[in-house]
Amino acid sequence: MTTVRDTGPTPARVARARAAHEEHLERVRGLAARTVAGHSMDAQDCQHLLAMLGLDVREADAAVASGRD
């Protein structure tokens, strides 16, 4: 019986992994931005906190628009 061995990462597998990773990061950033927005005292506080974390208010908006919790 012949077995097929995994020969390591192929360009297609690497591309899929990168795409999945980027999708995950987008989701996490959106949730983080939404959490910050929910705990901010006002818009200026929110913008300041998001900037400190390297996040953007658009990421919170995207999380809300897509219905992610």
PDB file of N, CA and C in Angstrom:
ATOM      1  N   MET A   1       0.835  -1.160   0.000  1.00  0.00           N
ATOM      2  CA  MET A   1       0.000   0.000   0.000  1.00  0.00           C
ATOM      3  C   MET A   1       0.891   1.237   0.000  1.00  0.00           C
ATOM      4  N   THR A   2       0.552   2.187  -0.808  1.00  0.00           N
ATOM      5  CA  THR A   2       1.315   3.419  -0.906  1.00  0.00           C
ATOM      6  C   THR A   2       0.668   4.485  -0.030  1.00  0.00           C
ATOM      7  N   THR A   3       1.488   5.205   0.718  1.00  0.00           N
ATOM      8  CA  THR A   3       0.972   6.290   1.551  1.00  0.00           C
ATOM      9  C   THR A   3       1.483   7.616   1.016  1.00  0.00           C
ATOM     10  N   VAL A   4       0.683   8.619   1.182  1.00  0.00           N
ATOM     11  CA  VAL A   4       1.058   9.956   0.758  1.00  0.00           C
ATOM     12  C   VAL A   4       1.543  10.709   1.983  1.00  0.00           C
ATOM     13  N   ARG A   5       2.749  11.234   1.870  1.00  0.00           N
ATOM     14  CA  ARG A   5       3.306  11.981   2.992  1.00  0.00           C
ATOM     15  C   ARG A   5       3.082  13.466   2.786  1.00  0.00           C
ATOM     16  N   ASP A   6       2.839  14.139   3.867  1.00  0.00           N
ATOM     17  CA  ASP A   6       2.726  15.588   3.823  1.00  0.00           C
ATOM     18  C   ASP A   6       4.125  16.144   3.583  1.00  0.00           C
ATOM     19  N   THR A   7       4.283  16.889   2.523  1.00  0.00           N
ATOM     20  CA  THR A   7       5.609  17.402   2.158  1.00  0.00           C
ATOM     21  C   THR A   7       5.843  18.813   2.681  1.00  0.00           C
ATOM     22  N   GLY A   8       4.967  19.283   3.542  1.00  0.00           N
ATOM     23  CA  GLY A   8       5.155  20.607   4.110  1.00  0.00           C
ATOM     24  C   GLY A   8       4.243  21.630   3.477  1.00  0.00           C
ATOM     25  N   PRO A   9       4.502  22.870   3.788  1.00  0.00           N
ATOM     26  CA  PRO A   9       3.617  23.925   3.299  1.00  0.00           C
ATOM     27  C   PRO A   9       3.744  24.139   1.793  1.00  0.00           C
ATOM     28  N   THR A  10       2.610  24.251   1.170  1.00  0.00           N
ATOM     29  CA  THR A  10       2.582  24.599  -0.248  1.00  0.00           C
ATOM     30  C   THR A  10       2.120  26.048  -0.333  1.00  0.00           C
ATOM     31  N   PRO A  11       2.359  26.718  -1.427  1.00  0.00           N
ATOM     32  CA  PRO A  11       1.907  28.108  -1.544  1.00  0.00           C
ATOM     33  C   PRO A  11       0.406  28.271  -1.286  1.00  0.00           C
ATOM     34  N   ALA A  12      -0.390  27.323  -1.732  1.00  0.00           N
ATOM     35  CA  ALA A  12      -1.835  27.418  -1.515  1.00  0.00           C
ATOM     36  C   ALA A  12      -2.176  27.290  -0.031  1.00  0.00           C
ATOM     37  N   ARG A  13      -1.518  26.386   0.657  1.00  0.00           N
ATOM     38  CA  ARG A  13      -1.772  26.209   2.094  1.00  0.00           C
ATOM     39  C   ARG A  13      -1.328  27.434   2.873  1.00  0.00           C
ATOM     40  N   VAL A  14      -0.214  27.996   2.503  1.00  0.00           N
ATOM     41  CA  VAL A  14       0.285  29.194   3.169  1.00  0.00           C
ATOM     42  C   VAL A  14      -0.695  30.356   2.946  1.00  0.00           C
ATOM     43  N   ALA A  15      -1.178  30.499   1.727  1.00  0.00           N
ATOM     44  CA  ALA A  15      -2.131  31.565   1.418  1.00  0.00           C
ATOM     45  C   ALA A  15      -3.417  31.399   2.222  1.00  0.00           C
ATOM     46  N   ARG A  16      -3.911  30.168   2.325  1.00  0.00           N
ATOM     47  CA  ARG A  16      -5.122  29.923   3.113  1.00  0.00           C
ATOM     48  C   ARG A  16      -4.887  30.232   4.594  1.00  0.00           C
ATOM     49  N   ALA A  17      -3.730  29.849   5.094  1.00  0.00           N
ATOM     50  CA  ALA A  17      -3.417  30.113   6.497  1.00  0.00           C
ATOM     51  C   ALA A  17      -3.308  31.611   6.759  1.00  0.00           C
ATOM     52  N   ARG A  18      -2.680  32.326   5.849  1.00  0.00           N
ATOM     53  CA  ARG A  18      -2.565  33.782   6.010  1.00  0.00           C
ATOM     54  C   ARG A  18      -3.935  34.446   5.963  1.00  0.00           C
ATOM     55  N   ALA A  19      -4.779  34.011   5.046  1.00  0.00           N
ATOM     56  CA  ALA A  19      -6.116  34.581   4.933  1.00  0.00           C
ATOM     57  C   ALA A  19      -6.924  34.314   6.201  1.00  0.00           C
ATOM     58  N   ALA A  20      -6.825  33.114   6.731  1.00  0.00           N
ATOM     59  CA  ALA A  20      -7.537  32.762   7.964  1.00  0.00           C
ATOM     60  C   ALA A  20      -7.014  33.592   9.134  1.00  0.00           C
ATOM     61  N   HIS A  21      -5.704  33.790   9.165  1.00  0.00           N
ATOM     62  CA  HIS A  21      -5.093  34.584  10.230  1.00  0.00           C
ATOM     63  C   HIS A  21      -5.560  36.045  10.155  1.00  0.00           C
ATOM     64  N   GLU A  22      -5.564  36.605   8.965  1.00  0.00           N
ATOM     65  CA  GLU A  22      -6.019  37.981   8.781  1.00  0.00           C
ATOM     66  C   GLU A  22      -7.487  38.136   9.179  1.00  0.00           C
ATOM     67  N   GLU A  23      -8.305  37.167   8.824  1.00  0.00           N
ATOM     68  CA  GLU A  23      -9.719  37.197   9.200  1.00  0.00           C
ATOM     69  C   GLU A  23      -9.873  37.162  10.718  1.00  0.00           C
ATOM     70  N   HIS A  24      -9.081  36.321  11.354  1.00  0.00           N
ATOM     71  CA  HIS A  24      -9.115  36.222  12.807  1.00  0.00           C
ATOM     72  C   HIS A  24      -8.682  37.548  13.447  1.00  0.00           C
ATOM     73  N   LEU A  25      -7.589  38.132  12.954  1.00  0.00           N
ATOM     74  CA  LEU A  25      -7.112  39.399  13.496  1.00  0.00           C
ATOM     75  C   LEU A  25      -8.144  40.506  13.323  1.00  0.00           C
ATOM     76  N   GLU A  26      -8.799  40.538  12.179  1.00  0.00           N
ATOM     77  CA  GLU A  26      -9.833  41.540  11.932  1.00  0.00           C
ATOM     78  C   GLU A  26     -10.961  41.401  12.948  1.00  0.00           C
ATOM     79  N   ARG A  27     -11.353  40.170  13.196  1.00  0.00           N
ATOM     80  CA  ARG A  27     -12.430  39.923  14.166  1.00  0.00           C
ATOM     81  C   ARG A  27     -12.009  40.349  15.565  1.00  0.00           C
ATOM     82  N   VAL A  28     -10.810  39.974  15.989  1.00  0.00           N
ATOM     83  CA  VAL A  28     -10.325  40.308  17.326  1.00  0.00           C
ATOM     84  C   VAL A  28     -10.176  41.818  17.480  1.00  0.00           C
ATOM     85  N   ARG A  29      -9.616  42.479  16.472  1.00  0.00           N
ATOM     86  CA  ARG A  29      -9.471  43.937  16.535  1.00  0.00           C
ATOM     87  C   ARG A  29     -10.841  44.616  16.614  1.00  0.00           C
ATOM     88  N   GLY A  30     -11.778  44.128  15.838  1.00  0.00           N
ATOM     89  CA  GLY A  30     -13.127  44.693  15.874  1.00  0.00           C
ATOM     90  C   GLY A  30     -13.784  44.532  17.227  1.00  0.00           C
ATOM     91  N   LEU A  31     -13.646  43.352  17.801  1.00  0.00           N
ATOM     92  CA  LEU A  31     -14.223  43.113  19.128  1.00  0.00           C
ATOM     93  C   LEU A  31     -13.535  43.963  20.190  1.00  0.00           C
ATOM     94  N   ALA A  32     -12.230  44.109  20.077  1.00  0.00           N
ATOM     95  CA  ALA A  32     -11.492  44.949  21.030  1.00  0.00           C
ATOM     96  C   ALA A  32     -11.936  46.403  20.911  1.00  0.00           C
ATOM     97  N   ALA A  33     -12.063  46.884  19.685  1.00  0.00           N
ATOM     98  CA  ALA A  33     -12.490  48.266  19.475  1.00  0.00           C
ATOM     99  C   ALA A  33     -13.905  48.475  19.996  1.00  0.00           C
ATOM    100  N   ARG A  34     -14.753  47.503  19.779  1.00  0.00           N
ATOM    101  CA  ARG A  34     -16.141  47.608  20.258  1.00  0.00           C
ATOM    102  C   ARG A  34     -16.178  47.609  21.785  1.00  0.00           C
ATOM    103  N   THR A  35     -15.352  46.800  22.415  1.00  0.00           N
ATOM    104  CA  THR A  35     -15.278  46.761  23.875  1.00  0.00           C
ATOM    105  C   THR A  35     -14.811  48.094  24.425  1.00  0.00           C
ATOM    106  N   VAL A  36     -13.773  48.656  23.819  1.00  0.00           N
ATOM    107  CA  VAL A  36     -13.269  49.964  24.241  1.00  0.00           C
ATOM    108  C   VAL A  36     -14.368  51.012  24.086  1.00  0.00           C
ATOM    109  N   ALA A  37     -15.050  50.992  22.954  1.00  0.00           N
ATOM    110  CA  ALA A  37     -16.115  51.971  22.716  1.00  0.00           C
ATOM    111  C   ALA A  37     -17.214  51.858  23.768  1.00  0.00           C
ATOM    112  N   GLY A  38     -17.513  50.645  24.167  1.00  0.00           N
ATOM    113  CA  GLY A  38     -18.557  50.431  25.160  1.00  0.00           C
ATOM    114  C   GLY A  38     -18.179  50.873  26.561  1.00  0.00           C
ATOM    115  N   HIS A  39     -16.882  50.978  26.833  1.00  0.00           N
ATOM    116  CA  HIS A  39     -16.424  51.365  28.169  1.00  0.00           C
ATOM    117  C   HIS A  39     -15.880  52.786  28.218  1.00  0.00           C
ATOM    118  N   SER A  40     -15.910  53.502  27.118  1.00  0.00           N
ATOM    119  CA  SER A  40     -15.393  54.866  27.067  1.00  0.00           C
ATOM    120  C   SER A  40     -16.398  55.841  27.652  1.00  0.00           C
ATOM    121  N   MET A  41     -15.875  56.929  28.200  1.00  0.00           N
ATOM    122  CA  MET A  41     -16.735  57.951  28.789  1.00  0.00           C
ATOM    123  C   MET A  41     -17.396  58.822  27.721  1.00  0.00           C
ATOM    124  N   ASP A  42     -16.666  59.088  26.647  1.00  0.00           N
ATOM    125  CA  ASP A  42     -17.198  59.906  25.561  1.00  0.00           C
ATOM    126  C   ASP A  42     -16.388  59.612  24.297  1.00  0.00           C
ATOM    127  N   ALA A  43     -16.733  60.296  23.208  1.00  0.00           N
ATOM    128  CA  ALA A  43     -16.070  60.025  21.927  1.00  0.00           C
ATOM    129  C   ALA A  43     -14.581  60.319  21.975  1.00  0.00           C
ATOM    130  N   GLN A  44     -14.193  61.394  22.648  1.00  0.00           N
ATOM    131  CA  GLN A  44     -12.776  61.744  22.730  1.00  0.00           C
ATOM    132  C   GLN A  44     -12.009  60.683  23.521  1.00  0.00           C
ATOM    133  N   ASP A  45     -12.580  60.230  24.623  1.00  0.00           N
ATOM    134  CA  ASP A  45     -11.972  59.169  25.418  1.00  0.00           C
ATOM    135  C   ASP A  45     -11.812  57.910  24.583  1.00  0.00           C
ATOM    136  N   CYS A  46     -12.848  57.580  23.828  1.00  0.00           N
ATOM    137  CA  CYS A  46     -12.812  56.399  22.969  1.00  0.00           C
ATOM    138  C   CYS A  46     -11.689  56.502  21.942  1.00  0.00           C
ATOM    139  N   GLN A  47     -11.602  57.632  21.265  1.00  0.00           N
ATOM    140  CA  GLN A  47     -10.555  57.816  20.253  1.00  0.00           C
ATOM    141  C   GLN A  47      -9.168  57.720  20.876  1.00  0.00           C
ATOM    142  N   HIS A  48      -9.005  58.295  22.059  1.00  0.00           N
ATOM    143  CA  HIS A  48      -7.708  58.256  22.739  1.00  0.00           C
ATOM    144  C   HIS A  48      -7.330  56.823  23.105  1.00  0.00           C
ATOM    145  N   LEU A  49      -8.268  56.094  23.690  1.00  0.00           N
ATOM    146  CA  LEU A  49      -7.996  54.707  24.078  1.00  0.00           C
ATOM    147  C   LEU A  49      -7.719  53.820  22.866  1.00  0.00           C
ATOM    148  N   LEU A  50      -8.501  53.994  21.811  1.00  0.00           N
ATOM    149  CA  LEU A  50      -8.276  53.212  20.595  1.00  0.00           C
ATOM    150  C   LEU A  50      -6.900  53.501  20.013  1.00  0.00           C
ATOM    151  N   ALA A  51      -6.508  54.777  20.020  1.00  0.00           N
ATOM    152  CA  ALA A  51      -5.187  55.148  19.499  1.00  0.00           C
ATOM    153  C   ALA A  51      -4.073  54.509  20.332  1.00  0.00           C
ATOM    154  N   MET A  52      -4.249  54.476  21.653  1.00  0.00           N
ATOM    155  CA  MET A  52      -3.244  53.861  22.527  1.00  0.00           C
ATOM    156  C   MET A  52      -3.080  52.373  22.219  1.00  0.00           C
ATOM    157  N   LEU A  53      -4.169  51.737  21.805  1.00  0.00           N
ATOM    158  CA  LEU A  53      -4.133  50.308  21.505  1.00  0.00           C
ATOM    159  C   LEU A  53      -3.800  50.013  20.044  1.00  0.00           C
ATOM    160  N   GLY A  54      -3.648  51.073  19.260  1.00  0.00           N
ATOM    161  CA  GLY A  54      -3.363  50.870  17.840  1.00  0.00           C
ATOM    162  C   GLY A  54      -4.582  50.407  17.068  1.00  0.00           C
ATOM    163  N   LEU A  55      -5.768  50.744  17.573  1.00  0.00           N
ATOM    164  CA  LEU A  55      -7.013  50.356  16.925  1.00  0.00           C
ATOM    165  C   LEU A  55      -7.652  51.572  16.286  1.00  0.00           C
ATOM    166  N   ASP A  56      -8.666  51.333  15.504  1.00  0.00           N
ATOM    167  CA  ASP A  56      -9.344  52.402  14.779  1.00  0.00           C
ATOM    168  C   ASP A  56     -10.840  52.287  15.018  1.00  0.00           C
ATOM    169  N   VAL A  57     -11.509  53.413  15.106  1.00  0.00           N
ATOM    170  CA  VAL A  57     -12.950  53.410  15.325  1.00  0.00           C
ATOM    171  C   VAL A  57     -13.670  52.685  14.187  1.00  0.00           C
ATOM    172  N   ARG A  58     -13.101  52.679  12.996  1.00  0.00           N
ATOM    173  CA  ARG A  58     -13.722  51.960  11.871  1.00  0.00           C
ATOM    174  C   ARG A  58     -13.800  50.464  12.147  1.00  0.00           C
ATOM    175  N   GLU A  59     -12.850  49.940  12.930  1.00  0.00           N
ATOM    176  CA  GLU A  59     -12.894  48.521  13.268  1.00  0.00           C
ATOM    177  C   GLU A  59     -14.078  48.210  14.183  1.00  0.00           C
ATOM    178  N   ALA A  60     -14.383  49.116  15.098  1.00  0.00           N
ATOM    179  CA  ALA A  60     -15.559  48.937  15.950  1.00  0.00           C
ATOM    180  C   ALA A  60     -16.814  49.026  15.113  1.00  0.00           C
ATOM    181  N   ASP A  61     -16.839  50.005  14.186  1.00  0.00           N
ATOM    182  CA  ASP A  61     -17.999  50.141  13.297  1.00  0.00           C
ATOM    183  C   ASP A  61     -18.198  48.889  12.460  1.00  0.00           C
ATOM    184  N   ALA A  62     -17.110  48.318  11.960  1.00  0.00           N
ATOM    185  CA  ALA A  62     -17.202  47.112  11.135  1.00  0.00           C
ATOM    186  C   ALA A  62     -17.730  45.935  11.962  1.00  0.00           C
ATOM    187  N   ALA A  63     -17.306  45.835  13.208  1.00  0.00           N
ATOM    188  CA  ALA A  63     -17.770  44.749  14.067  1.00  0.00           C
ATOM    189  C   ALA A  63     -19.261  44.889  14.334  1.00  0.00           C
ATOM    190  N   VAL A  64     -19.716  46.119  14.558  1.00  0.00           N
ATOM    191  CA  VAL A  64     -21.135  46.354  14.802  1.00  0.00           C
ATOM    192  C   VAL A  64     -21.938  46.061  13.545  1.00  0.00           C
ATOM    193  N   ALA A  65     -21.448  46.535  12.401  1.00  0.00           N
ATOM    194  CA  ALA A  65     -22.170  46.362  11.134  1.00  0.00           C
ATOM    195  C   ALA A  65     -22.315  44.895  10.750  1.00  0.00           C
ATOM    196  N   SER A  66     -21.305  44.081  11.095  1.00  0.00           N
ATOM    197  CA  SER A  66     -21.368  42.678  10.722  1.00  0.00           C
ATOM    198  C   SER A  66     -22.067  41.828  11.774  1.00  0.00           C
ATOM    199  N   GLY A  67     -22.450  42.447  12.892  1.00  0.00           N
ATOM    200  CA  GLY A  67     -23.181  41.719  13.918  1.00  0.00           C
ATOM    201  C   GLY A  67     -22.316  40.828  14.783  1.00  0.00           C
ATOM    202  N   ARG A  68     -21.010  41.057  14.791  1.00  0.00           N
ATOM    203  CA  ARG A  68     -20.128  40.235  15.610  1.00  0.00           C
ATOM    204  C   ARG A  68     -20.214  40.661  17.053  1.00  0.00           C
ATOM    205  N   ASP A  69     -20.247  39.702  17.949  1.00  0.00           N
ATOM    206  CA  ASP A  69     -20.268  39.978  19.395  1.00  0.00           C
ATOM    207  C   ASP A  69     -19.100  39.319  20.061  1.00  0.00           C
TER     208      ASP A  69
END
